[in-house]
Amino acid sequence: MISSMTQSLRRPASLDEFWAVPEGERFHEWIGGELIQKATPSGEHGDAQAGVVGAVRAPYQRPPGSGGPGGWWIATEVEVLLETNEVVRPDVLGWRRERCPQRPIGVPVTTRPDWVCEIVSPSHAKDDTVKKLRLYQRVAIEHYWIVDPRDATLTIMRWTPDGYVTRARAERGEAIRAEPFDAIEIDVGTLFGDDPIGT
């Protein structure tokens, strides 16, 4: 029954069973044959997600040459059907406008993102740091960030055919130029609710 499926945090399921969950109740991902319920966001998780969006959306969600670096579509919690027929709902994600001229719309979005950021939830930490990392590697998502409120760190990875390479790791109190958004400087602490450095 769908009701028992929606109450379970994780269970084996077919893709058809995933699509059978009503859209308004589908706070799930389907990875490796498992239906995985997204963790209920904590205050720390929600603050970090808002911090990432606040850092990158204003300067980048615009056409190139329009008063900032531009060149991206930035979104949150979008249901994405990947080439592997697995379905994810990244916390924050983005598409380069040069590859995706029109804003991705619909449910699910079928255009692979160029950047994904996952905010680690304690109950789902292994998904973000192992399962999703491997999945995003398989489908060649170029940039993967892991934001971890537990230790207030930001990890920036870039795709290579042999696996993700960690390009940088930064913590609260540091400012960093984090690819692919390295035209701007991000104060890592602001991702976790801190006031900007120097204020």
N, C-alpha and C. Protein backbone atom coordinates (compact mmCIF):
# COMPACT_ATOMS: atom_id res chain seq x y z
N MET A 1 0.83 -1.19 0.00
CA MET A 1 0.00 0.00 0.00
C MET A 1 0.87 1.25 0.00
N ILE A 2 0.41 2.27 -0.67
CA ILE A 2 1.17 3.51 -0.75
C ILE A 2 1.32 4.14 0.63
N SER A 3 0.27 4.06 1.46
CA SER A 3 0.36 4.71 2.77
C SER A 3 1.49 4.13 3.60
N SER A 4 1.66 2.78 3.58
CA SER A 4 2.75 2.18 4.34
C SER A 4 4.09 2.55 3.73
N MET A 5 4.13 2.71 2.40
CA MET A 5 5.37 3.08 1.74
C MET A 5 5.79 4.48 2.14
N THR A 6 4.84 5.40 2.24
CA THR A 6 5.20 6.77 2.57
C THR A 6 5.62 6.91 4.03
N GLN A 7 5.22 5.96 4.89
CA GLN A 7 5.61 6.03 6.29
C GLN A 7 6.99 5.43 6.52
N SER A 8 7.50 4.61 5.58
CA SER A 8 8.79 3.96 5.75
C SER A 8 9.90 4.90 5.32
N LEU A 9 10.98 4.97 6.10
CA LEU A 9 12.10 5.83 5.74
C LEU A 9 12.89 5.29 4.56
N ARG A 10 12.91 3.95 4.41
CA ARG A 10 13.72 3.34 3.37
C ARG A 10 13.21 1.92 3.14
N ARG A 11 12.95 1.58 1.91
CA ARG A 11 12.51 0.22 1.62
C ARG A 11 12.74 -0.10 0.15
N PRO A 12 12.93 -1.38 -0.17
CA PRO A 12 13.03 -1.76 -1.58
C PRO A 12 11.73 -1.42 -2.29
N ALA A 13 11.83 -0.92 -3.50
CA ALA A 13 10.64 -0.55 -4.27
C ALA A 13 11.02 -0.45 -5.74
N SER A 14 10.03 -0.62 -6.59
CA SER A 14 10.26 -0.45 -8.02
C SER A 14 10.05 1.02 -8.38
N LEU A 15 10.51 1.39 -9.56
CA LEU A 15 10.29 2.76 -10.02
C LEU A 15 8.80 3.03 -10.19
N ASP A 16 8.05 2.02 -10.61
CA ASP A 16 6.60 2.19 -10.73
C ASP A 16 5.97 2.51 -9.37
N GLU A 17 6.45 1.85 -8.31
CA GLU A 17 5.94 2.14 -6.98
C GLU A 17 6.29 3.57 -6.57
N PHE A 18 7.47 4.02 -6.96
CA PHE A 18 7.85 5.40 -6.67
C PHE A 18 6.87 6.36 -7.33
N TRP A 19 6.61 6.17 -8.63
CA TRP A 19 5.70 7.08 -9.34
C TRP A 19 4.27 6.97 -8.82
N ALA A 20 3.93 5.85 -8.16
CA ALA A 20 2.58 5.68 -7.62
C ALA A 20 2.33 6.55 -6.39
N VAL A 21 3.41 7.01 -5.74
CA VAL A 21 3.22 7.91 -4.59
C VAL A 21 2.69 9.24 -5.12
N PRO A 22 1.57 9.75 -4.61
CA PRO A 22 1.04 11.01 -5.12
C PRO A 22 2.08 12.12 -5.04
N GLU A 23 2.10 12.95 -6.06
CA GLU A 23 3.12 14.00 -6.17
C GLU A 23 3.20 14.86 -4.92
N GLY A 24 2.06 15.19 -4.33
CA GLY A 24 2.06 16.02 -3.14
C GLY A 24 2.60 15.34 -1.90
N GLU A 25 2.74 14.01 -1.95
CA GLU A 25 3.28 13.24 -0.82
C GLU A 25 4.66 12.68 -1.12
N ARG A 26 5.21 13.02 -2.28
CA ARG A 26 6.45 12.38 -2.74
C ARG A 26 7.67 13.16 -2.25
N PHE A 27 7.98 12.98 -0.96
CA PHE A 27 9.18 13.58 -0.39
C PHE A 27 10.23 12.48 -0.29
N HIS A 28 10.46 11.86 -1.45
CA HIS A 28 11.30 10.67 -1.52
C HIS A 28 12.31 10.81 -2.65
N GLU A 29 13.29 9.90 -2.60
CA GLU A 29 14.18 9.69 -3.73
C GLU A 29 14.16 8.20 -4.03
N TRP A 30 14.53 7.84 -5.24
CA TRP A 30 14.59 6.43 -5.62
C TRP A 30 15.99 6.17 -6.13
N ILE A 31 16.79 5.50 -5.30
CA ILE A 31 18.20 5.29 -5.60
C ILE A 31 18.53 3.82 -5.39
N GLY A 32 19.10 3.19 -6.41
CA GLY A 32 19.55 1.80 -6.29
C GLY A 32 18.45 0.84 -5.91
N GLY A 33 17.24 1.06 -6.41
CA GLY A 33 16.13 0.16 -6.12
C GLY A 33 15.50 0.37 -4.75
N GLU A 34 15.87 1.46 -4.06
CA GLU A 34 15.29 1.75 -2.75
C GLU A 34 14.50 3.05 -2.81
N LEU A 35 13.36 3.04 -2.16
CA LEU A 35 12.58 4.26 -1.94
C LEU A 35 13.08 4.86 -0.64
N ILE A 36 13.65 6.07 -0.70
CA ILE A 36 14.27 6.69 0.47
C ILE A 36 13.55 7.98 0.78
N GLN A 37 12.95 8.05 1.95
CA GLN A 37 12.27 9.27 2.36
C GLN A 37 13.29 10.31 2.76
N LYS A 38 13.13 11.53 2.24
CA LYS A 38 14.03 12.61 2.62
C LYS A 38 13.87 12.91 4.11
N ALA A 39 14.98 13.24 4.74
CA ALA A 39 14.93 13.58 6.16
C ALA A 39 14.14 14.87 6.37
N THR A 40 13.43 14.94 7.48
CA THR A 40 12.76 16.19 7.84
C THR A 40 13.83 17.22 8.17
N PRO A 41 13.84 18.37 7.46
CA PRO A 41 14.93 19.33 7.67
C PRO A 41 14.94 19.89 9.09
N SER A 42 16.12 19.90 9.69
CA SER A 42 16.30 20.56 10.98
C SER A 42 16.48 22.06 10.75
N GLY A 43 16.50 22.83 11.82
CA GLY A 43 16.79 24.25 11.69
C GLY A 43 18.15 24.49 11.07
N GLU A 44 19.13 23.67 11.48
CA GLU A 44 20.49 23.80 10.93
C GLU A 44 20.51 23.50 9.43
N HIS A 45 19.78 22.47 9.04
CA HIS A 45 19.73 22.08 7.62
C HIS A 45 19.09 23.19 6.80
N GLY A 46 17.93 23.67 7.26
CA GLY A 46 17.23 24.72 6.53
C GLY A 46 18.05 25.99 6.42
N ASP A 47 18.76 26.33 7.50
CA ASP A 47 19.59 27.53 7.49
C ASP A 47 20.74 27.39 6.50
N ALA A 48 21.37 26.20 6.48
CA ALA A 48 22.48 25.98 5.54
C ALA A 48 21.99 26.01 4.10
N GLN A 49 20.83 25.41 3.84
CA GLN A 49 20.27 25.43 2.49
C GLN A 49 19.99 26.86 2.05
N ALA A 50 19.39 27.65 2.94
CA ALA A 50 19.13 29.06 2.62
C ALA A 50 20.43 29.82 2.43
N GLY A 51 21.46 29.47 3.22
CA GLY A 51 22.75 30.12 3.09
C GLY A 51 23.39 29.88 1.74
N VAL A 52 23.31 28.65 1.25
CA VAL A 52 23.87 28.33 -0.07
C VAL A 52 23.13 29.09 -1.16
N VAL A 53 21.80 29.06 -1.10
CA VAL A 53 21.00 29.78 -2.10
C VAL A 53 21.33 31.28 -2.05
N GLY A 54 21.41 31.83 -0.84
CA GLY A 54 21.70 33.25 -0.70
C GLY A 54 23.07 33.63 -1.26
N ALA A 55 24.02 32.71 -1.15
CA ALA A 55 25.37 33.00 -1.63
C ALA A 55 25.47 32.99 -3.15
N VAL A 56 24.77 32.05 -3.81
CA VAL A 56 25.01 31.88 -5.25
C VAL A 56 23.88 32.36 -6.16
N ARG A 57 22.65 32.39 -5.68
CA ARG A 57 21.55 32.66 -6.61
C ARG A 57 21.56 34.09 -7.14
N ALA A 58 21.72 35.07 -6.27
CA ALA A 58 21.65 36.47 -6.73
C ALA A 58 22.72 36.79 -7.77
N PRO A 59 23.98 36.41 -7.56
CA PRO A 59 24.97 36.75 -8.59
C PRO A 59 24.91 35.89 -9.85
N TYR A 60 24.35 34.68 -9.76
CA TYR A 60 24.44 33.76 -10.89
C TYR A 60 23.12 33.50 -11.61
N GLN A 61 21.98 33.71 -10.97
CA GLN A 61 20.69 33.43 -11.63
C GLN A 61 20.31 34.62 -12.49
N ARG A 62 21.03 34.78 -13.57
CA ARG A 62 20.79 35.88 -14.52
C ARG A 62 21.57 35.57 -15.78
N PRO A 63 21.19 36.19 -16.89
CA PRO A 63 21.96 35.97 -18.11
C PRO A 63 23.38 36.50 -17.94
N PRO A 64 24.37 35.89 -18.61
CA PRO A 64 25.73 36.42 -18.54
C PRO A 64 25.78 37.87 -19.01
N GLY A 65 26.63 38.66 -18.35
CA GLY A 65 26.81 40.05 -18.75
C GLY A 65 25.70 40.97 -18.31
N SER A 66 24.89 40.55 -17.33
CA SER A 66 23.77 41.40 -16.89
C SER A 66 23.98 41.90 -15.47
N GLY A 67 25.22 42.24 -15.12
CA GLY A 67 25.49 42.79 -13.80
C GLY A 67 25.88 41.75 -12.78
N GLY A 68 26.74 40.86 -13.13
CA GLY A 68 27.20 39.79 -12.24
C GLY A 68 27.72 38.66 -13.10
N PRO A 69 28.27 37.62 -12.49
CA PRO A 69 28.79 36.51 -13.29
C PRO A 69 27.70 35.88 -14.17
N GLY A 70 26.52 35.66 -13.58
CA GLY A 70 25.39 35.11 -14.34
C GLY A 70 25.67 33.74 -14.93
N GLY A 71 24.75 33.33 -15.81
CA GLY A 71 24.94 32.11 -16.58
C GLY A 71 24.37 30.84 -16.01
N TRP A 72 23.52 30.94 -14.97
CA TRP A 72 23.02 29.73 -14.34
C TRP A 72 21.52 29.84 -14.06
N TRP A 73 20.89 28.65 -13.91
CA TRP A 73 19.58 28.50 -13.28
C TRP A 73 19.84 27.82 -11.94
N ILE A 74 19.37 28.38 -10.85
CA ILE A 74 19.56 27.81 -9.51
C ILE A 74 18.20 27.47 -8.93
N ALA A 75 18.08 26.29 -8.33
CA ALA A 75 16.79 25.85 -7.78
C ALA A 75 17.03 25.02 -6.52
N THR A 76 15.95 24.74 -5.78
CA THR A 76 16.02 23.89 -4.59
C THR A 76 14.99 22.78 -4.69
N GLU A 77 15.36 21.61 -4.15
CA GLU A 77 14.42 20.50 -3.95
C GLU A 77 13.67 20.10 -5.22
N VAL A 78 14.32 20.16 -6.35
CA VAL A 78 13.68 19.78 -7.61
C VAL A 78 13.83 18.27 -7.82
N GLU A 79 12.75 17.62 -8.19
CA GLU A 79 12.79 16.20 -8.47
C GLU A 79 13.43 15.99 -9.85
N VAL A 80 14.55 15.26 -9.89
CA VAL A 80 15.30 15.07 -11.12
C VAL A 80 15.38 13.59 -11.45
N LEU A 81 14.96 13.24 -12.66
CA LEU A 81 15.10 11.87 -13.17
C LEU A 81 16.42 11.80 -13.93
N LEU A 82 17.36 11.02 -13.40
CA LEU A 82 18.68 10.91 -14.01
C LEU A 82 18.70 9.87 -15.11
N GLU A 83 19.79 9.85 -15.87
CA GLU A 83 19.92 8.92 -16.99
C GLU A 83 19.87 7.46 -16.54
N THR A 84 20.19 7.21 -15.28
CA THR A 84 20.16 5.86 -14.72
C THR A 84 18.76 5.43 -14.31
N ASN A 85 17.76 6.30 -14.56
CA ASN A 85 16.37 6.08 -14.12
C ASN A 85 16.22 6.15 -12.61
N GLU A 86 17.19 6.77 -11.94
CA GLU A 86 17.06 7.02 -10.52
C GLU A 86 16.57 8.45 -10.32
N VAL A 87 15.87 8.68 -9.22
CA VAL A 87 15.22 9.97 -8.99
C VAL A 87 15.79 10.57 -7.71
N VAL A 88 16.29 11.80 -7.81
CA VAL A 88 16.85 12.49 -6.66
C VAL A 88 16.17 13.84 -6.49
N ARG A 89 16.28 14.38 -5.27
CA ARG A 89 15.78 15.73 -4.95
C ARG A 89 16.89 16.47 -4.23
N PRO A 90 17.90 16.95 -4.97
CA PRO A 90 19.02 17.63 -4.30
C PRO A 90 18.54 18.85 -3.53
N ASP A 91 19.27 19.16 -2.47
CA ASP A 91 18.90 20.32 -1.66
C ASP A 91 19.00 21.61 -2.46
N VAL A 92 20.09 21.77 -3.22
CA VAL A 92 20.26 22.92 -4.11
C VAL A 92 20.94 22.39 -5.36
N LEU A 93 20.58 22.93 -6.52
CA LEU A 93 21.16 22.45 -7.77
C LEU A 93 21.12 23.55 -8.82
N GLY A 94 21.92 23.37 -9.85
CA GLY A 94 21.98 24.39 -10.89
C GLY A 94 22.35 23.82 -12.24
N TRP A 95 21.91 24.56 -13.27
CA TRP A 95 22.18 24.21 -14.66
C TRP A 95 22.84 25.40 -15.34
N ARG A 96 23.89 25.16 -16.11
CA ARG A 96 24.51 26.22 -16.90
C ARG A 96 23.58 26.61 -18.04
N ARG A 97 23.35 27.90 -18.21
CA ARG A 97 22.45 28.34 -19.28
C ARG A 97 23.00 28.03 -20.66
N GLU A 98 24.32 27.95 -20.81
CA GLU A 98 24.89 27.64 -22.12
C GLU A 98 24.52 26.23 -22.56
N ARG A 99 24.30 25.33 -21.60
CA ARG A 99 23.89 23.96 -21.92
C ARG A 99 22.38 23.79 -21.83
N CYS A 100 21.75 24.62 -21.01
CA CYS A 100 20.31 24.51 -20.75
C CYS A 100 19.71 25.91 -20.89
N PRO A 101 19.46 26.37 -22.12
CA PRO A 101 19.04 27.76 -22.33
C PRO A 101 17.71 28.12 -21.66
N GLN A 102 16.79 27.15 -21.55
CA GLN A 102 15.49 27.40 -20.94
C GLN A 102 15.47 26.87 -19.51
N ARG A 103 14.84 27.60 -18.62
CA ARG A 103 14.73 27.17 -17.23
C ARG A 103 14.09 25.79 -17.14
N PRO A 104 14.70 24.84 -16.45
CA PRO A 104 14.11 23.51 -16.32
C PRO A 104 12.77 23.58 -15.59
N ILE A 105 11.78 22.92 -16.16
CA ILE A 105 10.44 22.94 -15.57
C ILE A 105 9.86 21.53 -15.56
N GLY A 106 8.72 21.40 -14.88
CA GLY A 106 7.99 20.13 -14.87
C GLY A 106 8.45 19.21 -13.75
N VAL A 107 7.72 18.10 -13.61
CA VAL A 107 8.02 17.07 -12.62
C VAL A 107 7.95 15.72 -13.31
N PRO A 108 9.04 14.99 -13.37
CA PRO A 108 10.37 15.37 -12.89
C PRO A 108 11.11 16.18 -13.96
N VAL A 109 12.13 16.89 -13.55
CA VAL A 109 13.05 17.51 -14.50
C VAL A 109 13.94 16.41 -15.05
N THR A 110 14.13 16.39 -16.35
CA THR A 110 14.93 15.32 -16.96
C THR A 110 16.27 15.80 -17.49
N THR A 111 16.57 17.08 -17.30
CA THR A 111 17.87 17.61 -17.71
C THR A 111 18.84 17.48 -16.54
N ARG A 112 19.94 16.78 -16.77
CA ARG A 112 20.93 16.57 -15.71
C ARG A 112 21.51 17.91 -15.26
N PRO A 113 21.57 18.16 -13.95
CA PRO A 113 22.18 19.40 -13.47
C PRO A 113 23.69 19.39 -13.66
N ASP A 114 24.28 20.60 -13.67
CA ASP A 114 25.73 20.74 -13.77
C ASP A 114 26.37 20.87 -12.39
N TRP A 115 25.55 21.20 -11.40
CA TRP A 115 26.04 21.36 -10.03
C TRP A 115 24.96 20.91 -9.07
N VAL A 116 25.39 20.16 -8.06
CA VAL A 116 24.48 19.72 -7.01
C VAL A 116 25.14 20.02 -5.67
N CYS A 117 24.34 20.48 -4.73
CA CYS A 117 24.78 20.70 -3.35
C CYS A 117 23.84 19.94 -2.44
N GLU A 118 24.39 19.06 -1.63
CA GLU A 118 23.60 18.36 -0.63
C GLU A 118 23.99 18.86 0.75
N ILE A 119 22.98 19.11 1.59
CA ILE A 119 23.18 19.50 2.98
C ILE A 119 23.06 18.22 3.81
N VAL A 120 24.08 17.87 4.55
CA VAL A 120 24.09 16.61 5.27
C VAL A 120 23.09 16.64 6.42
N SER A 121 22.24 15.62 6.46
CA SER A 121 21.35 15.38 7.59
C SER A 121 21.92 14.19 8.37
N PRO A 122 21.98 14.25 9.70
CA PRO A 122 22.58 13.15 10.46
C PRO A 122 22.00 11.78 10.11
N SER A 123 20.69 11.71 9.89
CA SER A 123 20.07 10.41 9.61
C SER A 123 20.32 9.92 8.18
N HIS A 124 20.82 10.80 7.31
CA HIS A 124 21.05 10.44 5.91
C HIS A 124 22.48 10.76 5.45
N ALA A 125 23.40 10.88 6.40
CA ALA A 125 24.76 11.30 6.06
C ALA A 125 25.41 10.35 5.05
N LYS A 126 25.20 9.05 5.21
CA LYS A 126 25.82 8.09 4.30
C LYS A 126 25.28 8.23 2.88
N ASP A 127 24.01 8.60 2.75
CA ASP A 127 23.45 8.80 1.42
C ASP A 127 24.19 9.92 0.69
N ASP A 128 24.40 11.05 1.39
CA ASP A 128 25.03 12.20 0.76
C ASP A 128 26.51 11.98 0.48
N THR A 129 27.20 11.29 1.38
CA THR A 129 28.65 11.17 1.27
C THR A 129 29.11 9.90 0.57
N VAL A 130 28.21 8.95 0.36
CA VAL A 130 28.59 7.70 -0.31
C VAL A 130 27.65 7.41 -1.49
N LYS A 131 26.38 7.13 -1.20
CA LYS A 131 25.46 6.68 -2.26
C LYS A 131 25.26 7.74 -3.33
N LYS A 132 24.94 8.96 -2.92
CA LYS A 132 24.70 9.99 -3.92
C LYS A 132 26.00 10.39 -4.61
N LEU A 133 27.09 10.42 -3.87
CA LEU A 133 28.37 10.72 -4.50
C LEU A 133 28.64 9.74 -5.63
N ARG A 134 28.43 8.46 -5.40
CA ARG A 134 28.65 7.45 -6.44
C ARG A 134 27.66 7.61 -7.59
N LEU A 135 26.41 7.91 -7.25
CA LEU A 135 25.41 8.10 -8.30
C LEU A 135 25.74 9.31 -9.16
N TYR A 136 26.05 10.44 -8.52
CA TYR A 136 26.39 11.65 -9.29
C TYR A 136 27.65 11.44 -10.11
N GLN A 137 28.57 10.63 -9.61
CA GLN A 137 29.76 10.29 -10.39
C GLN A 137 29.37 9.52 -11.65
N ARG A 138 28.47 8.53 -11.51
CA ARG A 138 28.07 7.70 -12.66
C ARG A 138 27.43 8.52 -13.76
N VAL A 139 26.66 9.53 -13.39
CA VAL A 139 25.96 10.32 -14.41
C VAL A 139 26.72 11.59 -14.79
N ALA A 140 27.94 11.74 -14.26
CA ALA A 140 28.86 12.81 -14.66
C ALA A 140 28.33 14.21 -14.34
N ILE A 141 27.80 14.38 -13.12
CA ILE A 141 27.48 15.74 -12.66
C ILE A 141 28.80 16.42 -12.33
N GLU A 142 29.06 17.53 -12.99
CA GLU A 142 30.40 18.12 -13.00
C GLU A 142 30.87 18.61 -11.64
N HIS A 143 29.97 19.20 -10.87
CA HIS A 143 30.36 19.78 -9.59
C HIS A 143 29.44 19.28 -8.49
N TYR A 144 30.04 18.86 -7.37
CA TYR A 144 29.28 18.37 -6.23
C TYR A 144 29.82 19.02 -4.96
N TRP A 145 28.91 19.69 -4.24
CA TRP A 145 29.25 20.27 -2.94
C TRP A 145 28.55 19.48 -1.85
N ILE A 146 29.26 19.30 -0.75
CA ILE A 146 28.65 18.75 0.46
C ILE A 146 28.80 19.79 1.56
N VAL A 147 27.68 20.25 2.07
CA VAL A 147 27.66 21.21 3.16
C VAL A 147 27.24 20.45 4.40
N ASP A 148 28.08 20.48 5.43
CA ASP A 148 27.83 19.66 6.62
C ASP A 148 27.66 20.54 7.85
N PRO A 149 26.42 20.73 8.29
CA PRO A 149 26.19 21.56 9.49
C PRO A 149 26.79 20.97 10.76
N ARG A 150 27.08 19.66 10.76
CA ARG A 150 27.59 19.03 11.98
C ARG A 150 28.95 19.61 12.38
N ASP A 151 29.81 19.89 11.39
CA ASP A 151 31.11 20.48 11.70
C ASP A 151 31.34 21.79 10.94
N ALA A 152 30.25 22.34 10.37
CA ALA A 152 30.30 23.64 9.68
C ALA A 152 31.39 23.66 8.61
N THR A 153 31.32 22.66 7.70
CA THR A 153 32.30 22.58 6.62
C THR A 153 31.63 22.57 5.26
N LEU A 154 32.39 23.00 4.27
CA LEU A 154 31.98 22.96 2.87
C LEU A 154 33.04 22.19 2.10
N THR A 155 32.63 21.14 1.39
CA THR A 155 33.54 20.35 0.57
C THR A 155 33.15 20.54 -0.89
N ILE A 156 34.12 20.90 -1.73
CA ILE A 156 33.88 21.19 -3.14
C ILE A 156 34.58 20.12 -3.97
N MET A 157 33.80 19.41 -4.80
CA MET A 157 34.35 18.34 -5.62
C MET A 157 34.06 18.58 -7.10
N ARG A 158 34.97 18.10 -7.93
CA ARG A 158 34.81 18.18 -9.38
C ARG A 158 34.87 16.77 -9.96
N TRP A 159 34.02 16.54 -10.94
CA TRP A 159 33.94 15.23 -11.59
C TRP A 159 35.18 14.97 -12.45
N THR A 160 35.68 13.75 -12.41
CA THR A 160 36.65 13.23 -13.39
C THR A 160 36.19 11.83 -13.73
N PRO A 161 36.64 11.27 -14.85
CA PRO A 161 36.22 9.91 -15.21
C PRO A 161 36.58 8.87 -14.15
N ASP A 162 37.61 9.15 -13.36
CA ASP A 162 38.06 8.18 -12.35
C ASP A 162 37.42 8.39 -10.99
N GLY A 163 36.61 9.42 -10.83
CA GLY A 163 35.97 9.70 -9.56
C GLY A 163 36.05 11.18 -9.23
N TYR A 164 35.25 11.60 -8.26
CA TYR A 164 35.31 13.00 -7.86
C TYR A 164 36.66 13.31 -7.22
N VAL A 165 37.16 14.49 -7.54
CA VAL A 165 38.37 15.01 -6.92
C VAL A 165 37.97 16.17 -6.01
N THR A 166 38.42 16.13 -4.76
CA THR A 166 38.14 17.23 -3.85
C THR A 166 39.03 18.41 -4.21
N ARG A 167 38.40 19.50 -4.60
CA ARG A 167 39.14 20.69 -5.01
C ARG A 167 39.45 21.60 -3.82
N ALA A 168 38.58 21.58 -2.82
CA ALA A 168 38.82 22.41 -1.63
C ALA A 168 37.89 21.94 -0.52
N ARG A 169 38.32 22.23 0.70
CA ARG A 169 37.48 21.98 1.86
C ARG A 169 37.69 23.18 2.78
N ALA A 170 36.62 23.78 3.23
CA ALA A 170 36.72 24.99 4.04
C ALA A 170 35.78 24.89 5.22
N GLU A 171 36.08 25.68 6.24
CA GLU A 171 35.29 25.63 7.47
C GLU A 171 34.87 27.03 7.88
N ARG A 172 33.99 27.06 8.84
CA ARG A 172 33.52 28.33 9.43
C ARG A 172 34.73 29.21 9.77
N GLY A 173 34.61 30.49 9.45
CA GLY A 173 35.71 31.43 9.71
C GLY A 173 36.59 31.66 8.50
N GLU A 174 36.39 30.89 7.43
CA GLU A 174 37.18 31.04 6.21
C GLU A 174 36.30 31.59 5.10
N ALA A 175 36.93 32.26 4.15
CA ALA A 175 36.27 32.68 2.92
C ALA A 175 36.94 31.94 1.77
N ILE A 176 36.14 31.56 0.77
CA ILE A 176 36.65 30.70 -0.28
C ILE A 176 36.01 31.06 -1.62
N ARG A 177 36.75 30.83 -2.68
CA ARG A 177 36.21 30.90 -4.04
C ARG A 177 35.97 29.45 -4.47
N ALA A 178 34.73 29.07 -4.48
CA ALA A 178 34.34 27.67 -4.65
C ALA A 178 33.80 27.43 -6.05
N GLU A 179 34.53 26.64 -6.82
CA GLU A 179 34.06 26.37 -8.19
C GLU A 179 32.76 25.57 -8.15
N PRO A 180 31.85 25.78 -9.05
CA PRO A 180 31.96 26.58 -10.27
C PRO A 180 31.61 28.06 -10.08
N PHE A 181 31.45 28.48 -8.83
CA PHE A 181 31.04 29.86 -8.56
C PHE A 181 32.21 30.68 -8.02
N ASP A 182 33.39 30.45 -8.59
CA ASP A 182 34.60 31.05 -8.06
C ASP A 182 34.83 32.49 -8.50
N ALA A 183 33.87 33.07 -9.21
CA ALA A 183 33.96 34.51 -9.50
C ALA A 183 33.60 35.33 -8.27
N ILE A 184 33.02 34.70 -7.27
CA ILE A 184 32.66 35.40 -6.04
C ILE A 184 33.34 34.70 -4.86
N GLU A 185 33.43 35.41 -3.76
CA GLU A 185 33.98 34.83 -2.54
C GLU A 185 32.84 34.50 -1.59
N ILE A 186 32.88 33.32 -1.03
CA ILE A 186 31.84 32.88 -0.10
C ILE A 186 32.44 32.78 1.30
N ASP A 187 31.82 33.45 2.24
CA ASP A 187 32.18 33.35 3.65
C ASP A 187 31.48 32.10 4.18
N VAL A 188 32.25 31.06 4.46
CA VAL A 188 31.68 29.76 4.80
C VAL A 188 30.75 29.85 6.01
N GLY A 189 31.09 30.67 6.98
CA GLY A 189 30.25 30.78 8.17
C GLY A 189 28.85 31.25 7.87
N THR A 190 28.67 32.06 6.81
CA THR A 190 27.32 32.55 6.48
C THR A 190 26.42 31.42 6.01
N LEU A 191 27.00 30.30 5.59
CA LEU A 191 26.18 29.15 5.21
C LEU A 191 25.54 28.51 6.45
N PHE A 192 26.08 28.84 7.62
CA PHE A 192 25.61 28.24 8.86
C PHE A 192 25.05 29.28 9.83
N GLY A 193 24.61 30.43 9.28
CA GLY A 193 23.91 31.43 10.07
C GLY A 193 24.78 32.50 10.69
N ASP A 194 26.11 32.47 10.42
CA ASP A 194 26.98 33.49 10.99
C ASP A 194 26.81 34.81 10.24
N ASP A 195 27.12 35.89 10.92
CA ASP A 195 27.23 37.18 10.24
C ASP A 195 28.49 37.15 9.39
N PRO A 196 28.49 37.89 8.29
CA PRO A 196 29.69 37.91 7.43
C PRO A 196 30.93 38.34 8.20
N ILE A 197 32.08 37.83 7.78
CA ILE A 197 33.35 38.19 8.40
C ILE A 197 33.52 39.70 8.33
N GLY A 198 33.93 40.29 9.45
CA GLY A 198 34.20 41.73 9.46
C GLY A 198 33.01 42.60 9.84
N THR A 199 31.85 41.98 10.13
CA THR A 199 30.68 42.80 10.52
C THR A 199 30.51 42.76 12.03
